[in-house]
Amino acid sequence: MMRLPPLKEPQLTESQSKIIESIKKGPRGDIPMTGPFGVWLRAGNIGDAIQNLGASLRYETILDEKVKEFAICIVGHHYKTKFEFAYHERLAIKSGLSAEIINEIKNGFASSLIDKRLDLTRQISMQLLEMHSITDELYQQGFDEFGEQGMIELVSLVGYYCLVSLTLNAFKIPIDKDMEDPFPDEK
């Protein structure tokens, strides 16, 4: 059961209305206030700072969309975050990832379907999620592939989507009606 009821326009404070306007004027455009945004709207300045960080990581990095969406889906799978995975599954396919790769992520991997760059993204993301760090060898491989800025952005992206996942799971935010449950066996 969702822990926070949806906010309705007439209920919004001035601060919350400003956050919605900021989101609408940003790269996301006019999106529904579901998912993590419905939670962060209630947090005032912190919510606005979080959504701004997310917009920067999604739209202002040197990482290509395929790498970003692949890493986001890995985080969503790790935390079994239904909304995050269902939302980004669509974006991942739009970025050029195949439905087969997305299904492999849902089912815990194995993949011979991914190229070297995506495999490196997978390894870095998984080590961060499981070990809370990365080995020197893997760091060097990532640095050689993505460069200094790209590594900072990838690590930041994984960390941000951990925050998204924890927010969605803690407040039991459901998937939207038009989404398919990626983890139907998870409560």
N, C-alpha and C. Protein backbone atom coordinates (compact mmCIF):
# COMPACT_ATOMS: atom_id res chain seq x y z
N MET A 1 0.84 -1.19 0.00
CA MET A 1 0.00 0.00 0.00
C MET A 1 0.88 1.25 0.00
N MET A 2 0.61 2.14 -0.92
CA MET A 2 1.35 3.38 -1.04
C MET A 2 1.27 4.17 0.28
N ARG A 3 2.40 4.69 0.72
CA ARG A 3 2.45 5.38 2.01
C ARG A 3 2.12 6.85 1.94
N LEU A 4 2.15 7.43 0.75
CA LEU A 4 1.82 8.85 0.58
C LEU A 4 0.72 8.97 -0.47
N PRO A 5 -0.38 9.60 -0.11
CA PRO A 5 -1.43 9.77 -1.12
C PRO A 5 -0.97 10.75 -2.20
N PRO A 6 -1.47 10.58 -3.42
CA PRO A 6 -1.08 11.50 -4.49
C PRO A 6 -1.50 12.93 -4.14
N LEU A 7 -0.66 13.87 -4.52
CA LEU A 7 -0.99 15.28 -4.31
C LEU A 7 -1.88 15.76 -5.45
N LYS A 8 -2.81 16.62 -5.12
CA LYS A 8 -3.69 17.22 -6.12
C LYS A 8 -3.31 18.69 -6.26
N GLU A 9 -3.45 19.24 -7.46
CA GLU A 9 -3.07 20.63 -7.74
C GLU A 9 -3.53 21.63 -6.67
N PRO A 10 -4.81 21.60 -6.25
CA PRO A 10 -5.25 22.61 -5.26
C PRO A 10 -4.55 22.49 -3.89
N GLN A 11 -3.98 21.32 -3.61
CA GLN A 11 -3.30 21.09 -2.33
C GLN A 11 -1.89 21.64 -2.29
N LEU A 12 -1.32 21.93 -3.45
CA LEU A 12 0.09 22.27 -3.52
C LEU A 12 0.40 23.61 -2.86
N THR A 13 1.52 23.61 -2.15
CA THR A 13 2.01 24.85 -1.56
C THR A 13 2.71 25.65 -2.66
N GLU A 14 3.06 26.87 -2.36
CA GLU A 14 3.79 27.70 -3.33
C GLU A 14 5.12 27.04 -3.70
N SER A 15 5.81 26.49 -2.70
CA SER A 15 7.09 25.81 -2.93
C SER A 15 6.91 24.61 -3.86
N GLN A 16 5.87 23.83 -3.63
CA GLN A 16 5.62 22.66 -4.47
C GLN A 16 5.26 23.07 -5.89
N SER A 17 4.49 24.13 -6.04
CA SER A 17 4.15 24.62 -7.38
C SER A 17 5.39 25.07 -8.12
N LYS A 18 6.34 25.68 -7.42
CA LYS A 18 7.60 26.12 -8.05
C LYS A 18 8.40 24.92 -8.54
N ILE A 19 8.41 23.83 -7.77
CA ILE A 19 9.14 22.63 -8.18
C ILE A 19 8.51 22.05 -9.45
N ILE A 20 7.19 21.98 -9.49
CA ILE A 20 6.51 21.47 -10.69
C ILE A 20 6.86 22.34 -11.90
N GLU A 21 6.85 23.64 -11.72
CA GLU A 21 7.19 24.55 -12.83
C GLU A 21 8.64 24.35 -13.27
N SER A 22 9.53 24.15 -12.31
CA SER A 22 10.93 23.91 -12.62
C SER A 22 11.09 22.64 -13.46
N ILE A 23 10.37 21.58 -13.09
CA ILE A 23 10.42 20.33 -13.84
C ILE A 23 9.87 20.54 -15.24
N LYS A 24 8.73 21.20 -15.35
CA LYS A 24 8.09 21.43 -16.65
C LYS A 24 8.97 22.25 -17.59
N LYS A 25 9.70 23.21 -17.04
CA LYS A 25 10.57 24.06 -17.85
C LYS A 25 11.90 23.37 -18.19
N GLY A 26 12.20 22.28 -17.49
CA GLY A 26 13.45 21.56 -17.71
C GLY A 26 13.33 20.54 -18.83
N PRO A 27 14.34 19.70 -18.97
CA PRO A 27 14.38 18.74 -20.09
C PRO A 27 13.31 17.65 -20.02
N ARG A 28 12.75 17.41 -18.85
CA ARG A 28 11.73 16.36 -18.73
C ARG A 28 10.39 16.81 -19.30
N GLY A 29 10.12 18.11 -19.24
CA GLY A 29 8.86 18.64 -19.74
C GLY A 29 7.71 18.37 -18.78
N ASP A 30 6.54 18.28 -19.34
CA ASP A 30 5.32 18.12 -18.54
C ASP A 30 5.07 16.64 -18.28
N ILE A 31 5.66 16.13 -17.22
CA ILE A 31 5.50 14.71 -16.87
C ILE A 31 4.55 14.59 -15.68
N PRO A 32 3.92 13.44 -15.52
CA PRO A 32 3.03 13.28 -14.36
C PRO A 32 3.84 13.28 -13.05
N MET A 33 3.23 13.73 -12.01
CA MET A 33 3.92 13.80 -10.71
C MET A 33 3.74 12.48 -9.96
N THR A 34 4.14 11.41 -10.65
CA THR A 34 4.13 10.08 -10.04
C THR A 34 5.58 9.68 -9.81
N GLY A 35 5.79 8.45 -9.41
CA GLY A 35 7.16 8.00 -9.17
C GLY A 35 7.82 8.81 -8.07
N PRO A 36 9.12 9.02 -8.17
CA PRO A 36 9.83 9.72 -7.09
C PRO A 36 9.44 11.19 -6.97
N PHE A 37 8.97 11.79 -8.06
CA PHE A 37 8.63 13.22 -8.02
C PHE A 37 7.47 13.50 -7.08
N GLY A 38 6.52 12.58 -7.01
CA GLY A 38 5.40 12.73 -6.08
C GLY A 38 5.85 12.74 -4.62
N VAL A 39 6.98 12.10 -4.35
CA VAL A 39 7.57 12.11 -3.01
C VAL A 39 8.37 13.39 -2.81
N TRP A 40 9.25 13.68 -3.74
CA TRP A 40 10.17 14.81 -3.58
C TRP A 40 9.47 16.15 -3.58
N LEU A 41 8.29 16.23 -4.20
CA LEU A 41 7.52 17.48 -4.16
C LEU A 41 7.27 17.90 -2.72
N ARG A 42 7.12 16.95 -1.83
CA ARG A 42 6.81 17.21 -0.42
C ARG A 42 8.03 17.67 0.37
N ALA A 43 9.20 17.64 -0.25
CA ALA A 43 10.43 17.94 0.48
C ALA A 43 11.00 19.31 0.17
N GLY A 44 10.25 20.15 -0.50
CA GLY A 44 10.67 21.53 -0.75
C GLY A 44 12.00 21.64 -1.47
N ASN A 45 12.90 22.42 -0.89
CA ASN A 45 14.19 22.69 -1.53
C ASN A 45 15.01 21.44 -1.78
N ILE A 46 14.95 20.49 -0.86
CA ILE A 46 15.67 19.23 -1.05
C ILE A 46 15.13 18.50 -2.27
N GLY A 47 13.81 18.44 -2.39
CA GLY A 47 13.19 17.79 -3.55
C GLY A 47 13.60 18.44 -4.85
N ASP A 48 13.66 19.77 -4.85
CA ASP A 48 14.05 20.49 -6.05
C ASP A 48 15.52 20.21 -6.39
N ALA A 49 16.37 20.19 -5.39
CA ALA A 49 17.79 19.89 -5.62
C ALA A 49 17.97 18.47 -6.18
N ILE A 50 17.21 17.53 -5.64
CA ILE A 50 17.30 16.14 -6.11
C ILE A 50 16.85 16.03 -7.56
N GLN A 51 15.72 16.66 -7.88
CA GLN A 51 15.23 16.55 -9.26
C GLN A 51 16.17 17.26 -10.24
N ASN A 52 16.80 18.35 -9.79
CA ASN A 52 17.78 19.04 -10.65
C ASN A 52 19.01 18.16 -10.91
N LEU A 53 19.48 17.46 -9.87
CA LEU A 53 20.59 16.54 -10.05
C LEU A 53 20.22 15.46 -11.06
N GLY A 54 19.02 14.91 -10.90
CA GLY A 54 18.56 13.88 -11.84
C GLY A 54 18.50 14.38 -13.27
N ALA A 55 18.02 15.60 -13.45
CA ALA A 55 17.95 16.17 -14.80
C ALA A 55 19.36 16.32 -15.38
N SER A 56 20.31 16.75 -14.57
CA SER A 56 21.69 16.88 -15.04
C SER A 56 22.27 15.53 -15.44
N LEU A 57 22.03 14.52 -14.62
CA LEU A 57 22.57 13.19 -14.92
C LEU A 57 21.91 12.54 -16.13
N ARG A 58 20.65 12.83 -16.34
CA ARG A 58 19.95 12.26 -17.49
C ARG A 58 20.24 13.00 -18.79
N TYR A 59 20.41 14.32 -18.73
CA TYR A 59 20.43 15.11 -19.96
C TYR A 59 21.70 15.91 -20.22
N GLU A 60 22.63 15.94 -19.28
CA GLU A 60 23.79 16.81 -19.44
C GLU A 60 25.12 16.11 -19.23
N THR A 61 25.18 14.82 -19.57
CA THR A 61 26.43 14.09 -19.39
C THR A 61 27.04 13.75 -20.75
N ILE A 62 28.29 13.30 -20.71
CA ILE A 62 28.94 12.84 -21.94
C ILE A 62 28.63 11.37 -22.22
N LEU A 63 28.02 10.69 -21.27
CA LEU A 63 27.67 9.28 -21.47
C LEU A 63 26.53 9.16 -22.48
N ASP A 64 26.59 8.14 -23.33
CA ASP A 64 25.50 7.97 -24.29
C ASP A 64 24.28 7.37 -23.60
N GLU A 65 23.13 7.54 -24.25
CA GLU A 65 21.85 7.12 -23.67
C GLU A 65 21.83 5.62 -23.38
N LYS A 66 22.41 4.83 -24.26
CA LYS A 66 22.42 3.38 -24.06
C LYS A 66 23.11 3.02 -22.75
N VAL A 67 24.27 3.61 -22.51
CA VAL A 67 25.03 3.33 -21.28
C VAL A 67 24.23 3.78 -20.06
N LYS A 68 23.66 4.99 -20.12
CA LYS A 68 22.91 5.50 -18.97
C LYS A 68 21.69 4.62 -18.68
N GLU A 69 20.91 4.31 -19.69
CA GLU A 69 19.69 3.51 -19.46
C GLU A 69 20.02 2.09 -19.03
N PHE A 70 21.10 1.54 -19.54
CA PHE A 70 21.54 0.21 -19.14
C PHE A 70 21.88 0.22 -17.65
N ALA A 71 22.67 1.20 -17.22
CA ALA A 71 23.05 1.31 -15.81
C ALA A 71 21.83 1.54 -14.92
N ILE A 72 20.89 2.37 -15.37
CA ILE A 72 19.68 2.65 -14.58
C ILE A 72 18.86 1.37 -14.41
N CYS A 73 18.73 0.60 -15.47
CA CYS A 73 17.98 -0.67 -15.36
C CYS A 73 18.68 -1.66 -14.43
N ILE A 74 20.00 -1.66 -14.43
CA ILE A 74 20.75 -2.53 -13.51
C ILE A 74 20.44 -2.14 -12.06
N VAL A 75 20.44 -0.85 -11.77
CA VAL A 75 20.11 -0.38 -10.41
C VAL A 75 18.67 -0.76 -10.07
N GLY A 76 17.75 -0.53 -11.00
CA GLY A 76 16.35 -0.88 -10.76
C GLY A 76 16.18 -2.36 -10.46
N HIS A 77 16.91 -3.21 -11.20
CA HIS A 77 16.84 -4.64 -10.93
C HIS A 77 17.42 -4.98 -9.57
N HIS A 78 18.56 -4.38 -9.25
CA HIS A 78 19.22 -4.67 -7.98
C HIS A 78 18.28 -4.43 -6.79
N TYR A 79 17.56 -3.32 -6.83
CA TYR A 79 16.65 -2.96 -5.74
C TYR A 79 15.23 -3.49 -5.95
N LYS A 80 14.99 -4.14 -7.10
CA LYS A 80 13.65 -4.62 -7.48
C LYS A 80 12.65 -3.46 -7.40
N THR A 81 13.05 -2.33 -7.94
CA THR A 81 12.23 -1.12 -7.92
C THR A 81 11.34 -1.13 -9.16
N LYS A 82 10.09 -1.45 -8.94
CA LYS A 82 9.16 -1.66 -10.05
C LYS A 82 8.97 -0.42 -10.91
N PHE A 83 8.68 0.72 -10.28
CA PHE A 83 8.42 1.94 -11.05
C PHE A 83 9.66 2.32 -11.86
N GLU A 84 10.81 2.36 -11.21
CA GLU A 84 12.04 2.78 -11.89
C GLU A 84 12.33 1.88 -13.09
N PHE A 85 12.26 0.57 -12.88
CA PHE A 85 12.58 -0.35 -13.97
C PHE A 85 11.56 -0.21 -15.09
N ALA A 86 10.27 -0.19 -14.77
CA ALA A 86 9.24 -0.11 -15.80
C ALA A 86 9.36 1.19 -16.60
N TYR A 87 9.62 2.29 -15.92
CA TYR A 87 9.75 3.58 -16.60
C TYR A 87 10.98 3.60 -17.52
N HIS A 88 12.11 3.12 -17.00
CA HIS A 88 13.35 3.19 -17.77
C HIS A 88 13.50 2.06 -18.78
N GLU A 89 12.74 1.00 -18.63
CA GLU A 89 12.75 -0.06 -19.63
C GLU A 89 12.36 0.52 -20.99
N ARG A 90 11.34 1.35 -21.01
CA ARG A 90 10.89 2.00 -22.25
C ARG A 90 12.00 2.88 -22.83
N LEU A 91 12.63 3.66 -21.96
CA LEU A 91 13.69 4.56 -22.42
C LEU A 91 14.91 3.77 -22.89
N ALA A 92 15.18 2.65 -22.25
CA ALA A 92 16.31 1.81 -22.65
C ALA A 92 16.10 1.26 -24.05
N ILE A 93 14.91 0.80 -24.33
CA ILE A 93 14.60 0.28 -25.67
C ILE A 93 14.68 1.41 -26.69
N LYS A 94 14.16 2.57 -26.32
CA LYS A 94 14.24 3.74 -27.21
C LYS A 94 15.70 4.13 -27.50
N SER A 95 16.59 3.91 -26.51
CA SER A 95 18.01 4.25 -26.68
C SER A 95 18.75 3.27 -27.59
N GLY A 96 18.11 2.15 -27.90
CA GLY A 96 18.75 1.17 -28.77
C GLY A 96 19.05 -0.17 -28.13
N LEU A 97 18.78 -0.31 -26.83
CA LEU A 97 18.95 -1.62 -26.19
C LEU A 97 17.81 -2.53 -26.63
N SER A 98 18.11 -3.78 -26.85
CA SER A 98 17.09 -4.72 -27.31
C SER A 98 16.22 -5.20 -26.14
N ALA A 99 15.03 -5.65 -26.49
CA ALA A 99 14.13 -6.23 -25.49
C ALA A 99 14.77 -7.45 -24.84
N GLU A 100 15.59 -8.18 -25.61
CA GLU A 100 16.27 -9.37 -25.07
C GLU A 100 17.24 -8.98 -23.95
N ILE A 101 17.97 -7.90 -24.17
CA ILE A 101 18.91 -7.43 -23.13
C ILE A 101 18.14 -6.98 -21.89
N ILE A 102 17.05 -6.26 -22.08
CA ILE A 102 16.24 -5.81 -20.95
C ILE A 102 15.70 -7.02 -20.18
N ASN A 103 15.25 -8.03 -20.90
CA ASN A 103 14.75 -9.24 -20.23
C ASN A 103 15.85 -9.95 -19.47
N GLU A 104 17.06 -9.94 -20.01
CA GLU A 104 18.18 -10.54 -19.29
C GLU A 104 18.45 -9.78 -17.99
N ILE A 105 18.37 -8.46 -18.03
CA ILE A 105 18.56 -7.68 -16.79
C ILE A 105 17.48 -8.07 -15.79
N LYS A 106 16.23 -8.13 -16.23
CA LYS A 106 15.11 -8.51 -15.34
C LYS A 106 15.35 -9.85 -14.69
N ASN A 107 15.97 -10.76 -15.43
CA ASN A 107 16.16 -12.12 -14.94
C ASN A 107 17.52 -12.36 -14.33
N GLY A 108 18.32 -11.31 -14.15
CA GLY A 108 19.58 -11.44 -13.44
C GLY A 108 20.81 -11.63 -14.29
N PHE A 109 20.74 -11.47 -15.59
CA PHE A 109 21.88 -11.48 -16.52
C PHE A 109 22.40 -12.83 -16.94
N ALA A 110 23.42 -12.73 -17.73
CA ALA A 110 24.26 -13.79 -18.24
C ALA A 110 25.00 -13.25 -19.44
N SER A 111 24.57 -12.25 -19.99
CA SER A 111 24.60 -11.74 -21.33
C SER A 111 25.82 -11.88 -22.20
N SER A 112 25.56 -12.58 -23.26
CA SER A 112 26.50 -12.59 -24.37
C SER A 112 25.99 -11.60 -25.43
N LEU A 113 24.88 -10.96 -25.14
CA LEU A 113 24.25 -10.05 -26.09
C LEU A 113 24.83 -8.63 -26.05
N ILE A 114 25.60 -8.31 -25.04
CA ILE A 114 26.08 -6.93 -24.90
C ILE A 114 27.51 -6.78 -25.40
N ASP A 115 27.81 -5.57 -25.84
CA ASP A 115 29.16 -5.27 -26.33
C ASP A 115 30.09 -4.95 -25.16
N LYS A 116 31.34 -4.69 -25.49
CA LYS A 116 32.37 -4.44 -24.46
C LYS A 116 32.03 -3.24 -23.58
N ARG A 117 31.55 -2.17 -24.19
CA ARG A 117 31.23 -0.94 -23.45
C ARG A 117 30.09 -1.18 -22.44
N LEU A 118 29.05 -1.89 -22.87
CA LEU A 118 27.95 -2.20 -21.96
C LEU A 118 28.37 -3.20 -20.89
N ASP A 119 29.23 -4.14 -21.26
CA ASP A 119 29.70 -5.09 -20.26
C ASP A 119 30.51 -4.37 -19.18
N LEU A 120 31.30 -3.41 -19.58
CA LEU A 120 32.06 -2.61 -18.62
C LEU A 120 31.11 -1.80 -17.72
N THR A 121 30.06 -1.25 -18.32
CA THR A 121 29.03 -0.53 -17.56
C THR A 121 28.39 -1.46 -16.54
N ARG A 122 28.08 -2.68 -16.97
CA ARG A 122 27.48 -3.67 -16.08
C ARG A 122 28.42 -4.00 -14.92
N GLN A 123 29.69 -4.25 -15.23
CA GLN A 123 30.64 -4.61 -14.18
C GLN A 123 30.81 -3.47 -13.16
N ILE A 124 30.95 -2.25 -13.65
CA ILE A 124 31.12 -1.10 -12.76
C ILE A 124 29.87 -0.92 -11.90
N SER A 125 28.71 -0.96 -12.53
CA SER A 125 27.45 -0.78 -11.80
C SER A 125 27.28 -1.86 -10.74
N MET A 126 27.53 -3.12 -11.11
CA MET A 126 27.35 -4.22 -10.16
C MET A 126 28.33 -4.15 -9.01
N GLN A 127 29.60 -3.81 -9.29
CA GLN A 127 30.55 -3.69 -8.18
C GLN A 127 30.15 -2.57 -7.24
N LEU A 128 29.70 -1.45 -7.78
CA LEU A 128 29.26 -0.36 -6.91
C LEU A 128 28.09 -0.81 -6.04
N LEU A 129 27.14 -1.53 -6.62
CA LEU A 129 25.96 -1.97 -5.89
C LEU A 129 26.28 -3.06 -4.86
N GLU A 130 27.18 -3.95 -5.21
CA GLU A 130 27.47 -5.08 -4.34
C GLU A 130 28.63 -4.85 -3.37
N MET A 131 29.67 -4.14 -3.83
CA MET A 131 30.86 -3.93 -3.01
C MET A 131 30.96 -2.50 -2.47
N HIS A 132 30.11 -1.60 -2.99
CA HIS A 132 30.11 -0.19 -2.60
C HIS A 132 31.40 0.52 -3.00
N SER A 133 32.09 -0.06 -3.98
CA SER A 133 33.32 0.49 -4.52
C SER A 133 33.63 -0.28 -5.79
N ILE A 134 34.76 0.03 -6.42
CA ILE A 134 35.21 -0.76 -7.56
C ILE A 134 36.70 -1.04 -7.42
N THR A 135 37.13 -2.16 -7.97
CA THR A 135 38.54 -2.54 -7.87
C THR A 135 39.39 -1.58 -8.70
N ASP A 136 40.67 -1.53 -8.39
CA ASP A 136 41.60 -0.68 -9.15
C ASP A 136 41.62 -1.08 -10.62
N GLU A 137 41.62 -2.37 -10.89
CA GLU A 137 41.65 -2.85 -12.26
C GLU A 137 40.41 -2.41 -13.04
N LEU A 138 39.25 -2.57 -12.44
CA LEU A 138 38.02 -2.18 -13.11
C LEU A 138 37.94 -0.66 -13.26
N TYR A 139 38.41 0.06 -12.24
CA TYR A 139 38.45 1.52 -12.35
C TYR A 139 39.28 1.94 -13.56
N GLN A 140 40.44 1.33 -13.72
CA GLN A 140 41.32 1.70 -14.84
C GLN A 140 40.66 1.38 -16.18
N GLN A 141 40.00 0.24 -16.26
CA GLN A 141 39.30 -0.11 -17.50
C GLN A 141 38.20 0.92 -17.80
N GLY A 142 37.47 1.31 -16.77
CA GLY A 142 36.42 2.31 -16.93
C GLY A 142 36.99 3.66 -17.32
N PHE A 143 38.09 4.04 -16.69
CA PHE A 143 38.75 5.30 -17.00
C PHE A 143 39.23 5.31 -18.45
N ASP A 144 39.81 4.19 -18.89
CA ASP A 144 40.29 4.09 -20.27
C ASP A 144 39.14 4.18 -21.27
N GLU A 145 37.98 3.64 -20.92
CA GLU A 145 36.83 3.63 -21.83
C GLU A 145 36.02 4.94 -21.78
N PHE A 146 35.75 5.42 -20.58
CA PHE A 146 34.84 6.56 -20.41
C PHE A 146 35.55 7.87 -20.11
N GLY A 147 36.83 7.82 -19.73
CA GLY A 147 37.56 9.02 -19.33
C GLY A 147 37.21 9.43 -17.91
N GLU A 148 37.91 10.41 -17.40
CA GLU A 148 37.70 10.88 -16.03
C GLU A 148 36.26 11.37 -15.83
N GLN A 149 35.81 12.26 -16.70
CA GLN A 149 34.46 12.82 -16.56
C GLN A 149 33.41 11.73 -16.68
N GLY A 150 33.58 10.84 -17.64
CA GLY A 150 32.62 9.76 -17.83
C GLY A 150 32.52 8.84 -16.62
N MET A 151 33.65 8.55 -16.00
CA MET A 151 33.63 7.70 -14.79
C MET A 151 32.90 8.42 -13.65
N ILE A 152 33.19 9.70 -13.49
CA ILE A 152 32.50 10.46 -12.44
C ILE A 152 30.99 10.45 -12.70
N GLU A 153 30.62 10.66 -13.95
CA GLU A 153 29.20 10.67 -14.29
C GLU A 153 28.54 9.31 -14.09
N LEU A 154 29.22 8.24 -14.47
CA LEU A 154 28.66 6.89 -14.31
C LEU A 154 28.47 6.55 -12.84
N VAL A 155 29.47 6.82 -12.03
CA VAL A 155 29.36 6.56 -10.59
C VAL A 155 28.24 7.41 -9.99
N SER A 156 28.16 8.67 -10.40
CA SER A 156 27.11 9.56 -9.90
C SER A 156 25.73 9.09 -10.33
N LEU A 157 25.61 8.61 -11.58
CA LEU A 157 24.35 8.11 -12.09
C LEU A 157 23.87 6.90 -11.28
N VAL A 158 24.77 5.97 -11.03
CA VAL A 158 24.42 4.79 -10.23
C VAL A 158 23.99 5.23 -8.83
N GLY A 159 24.74 6.13 -8.22
CA GLY A 159 24.38 6.62 -6.89
C GLY A 159 23.04 7.32 -6.86
N TYR A 160 22.77 8.16 -7.86
CA TYR A 160 21.49 8.88 -7.92
C TYR A 160 20.34 7.88 -8.03
N TYR A 161 20.49 6.87 -8.88
CA TYR A 161 19.39 5.91 -9.04
C TYR A 161 19.26 4.96 -7.85
N CYS A 162 20.29 4.85 -7.03
CA CYS A 162 20.12 4.19 -5.73
C CYS A 162 19.17 5.03 -4.87
N LEU A 163 19.38 6.34 -4.86
CA LEU A 163 18.48 7.25 -4.13
C LEU A 163 17.06 7.13 -4.66
N VAL A 164 16.90 7.12 -5.99
CA VAL A 164 15.57 6.97 -6.58
C VAL A 164 14.94 5.66 -6.11
N SER A 165 15.69 4.57 -6.19
CA SER A 165 15.18 3.25 -5.80
C SER A 165 14.77 3.21 -4.34
N LEU A 166 15.62 3.72 -3.49
CA LEU A 166 15.31 3.71 -2.06
C LEU A 166 14.08 4.55 -1.77
N THR A 167 13.95 5.69 -2.45
CA THR A 167 12.77 6.54 -2.27
C THR A 167 11.51 5.80 -2.70
N LEU A 168 11.54 5.22 -3.88
CA LEU A 168 10.36 4.52 -4.39
C LEU A 168 9.99 3.33 -3.51
N ASN A 169 10.98 2.57 -3.08
CA ASN A 169 10.70 1.40 -2.25
C ASN A 169 10.25 1.78 -0.84
N ALA A 170 10.88 2.79 -0.24
CA ALA A 170 10.52 3.18 1.13
C ALA A 170 9.08 3.70 1.21
N PHE A 171 8.66 4.42 0.16
CA PHE A 171 7.31 5.00 0.18
C PHE A 171 6.31 4.15 -0.60
N LYS A 172 6.76 2.97 -1.03
CA LYS A 172 5.91 1.99 -1.71
C LYS A 172 5.14 2.62 -2.87
N ILE A 173 5.89 3.29 -3.73
CA ILE A 173 5.28 3.96 -4.87
C ILE A 173 4.97 2.92 -5.94
N PRO A 174 3.71 2.82 -6.35
CA PRO A 174 3.33 1.81 -7.34
C PRO A 174 3.68 2.24 -8.76
N ILE A 175 3.64 1.27 -9.66
CA ILE A 175 3.82 1.59 -11.07
C ILE A 175 2.57 2.32 -11.56
N ASP A 176 2.72 3.08 -12.63
CA ASP A 176 1.57 3.75 -13.24
C ASP A 176 0.70 2.71 -13.94
N LYS A 177 -0.54 3.08 -14.19
CA LYS A 177 -1.51 2.16 -14.81
C LYS A 177 -1.06 1.63 -16.17
N ASP A 178 -0.31 2.44 -16.91
CA ASP A 178 0.11 2.03 -18.25
C ASP A 178 1.43 1.26 -18.27
N MET A 179 1.95 0.93 -17.09
CA MET A 179 3.22 0.21 -16.99
C MET A 179 2.98 -1.27 -16.70
N GLU A 180 3.90 -2.09 -17.19
CA GLU A 180 3.86 -3.52 -16.89
C GLU A 180 4.79 -3.79 -15.71
N ASP A 181 4.34 -4.58 -14.76
CA ASP A 181 5.14 -4.90 -13.58
C ASP A 181 6.35 -5.75 -13.99
N PRO A 182 7.57 -5.22 -13.83
CA PRO A 182 8.75 -5.98 -14.24
C PRO A 182 9.11 -7.11 -13.28
N PHE A 183 8.63 -7.00 -12.06
CA PHE A 183 8.97 -8.00 -11.02
C PHE A 183 7.69 -8.44 -10.32
N PRO A 184 6.81 -9.16 -11.01
CA PRO A 184 5.51 -9.51 -10.43
C PRO A 184 5.59 -10.39 -9.19
N ASP A 185 6.68 -11.10 -9.00
CA ASP A 185 6.83 -11.96 -7.81
C ASP A 185 7.29 -11.19 -6.58
N GLU A 186 7.71 -9.94 -6.78
CA GLU A 186 8.14 -9.10 -5.66
C GLU A 186 6.94 -8.32 -5.14
N LYS A 187 6.87 -8.19 -3.81
CA LYS A 187 5.76 -7.42 -3.23
C LYS A 187 6.07 -5.98 -3.14
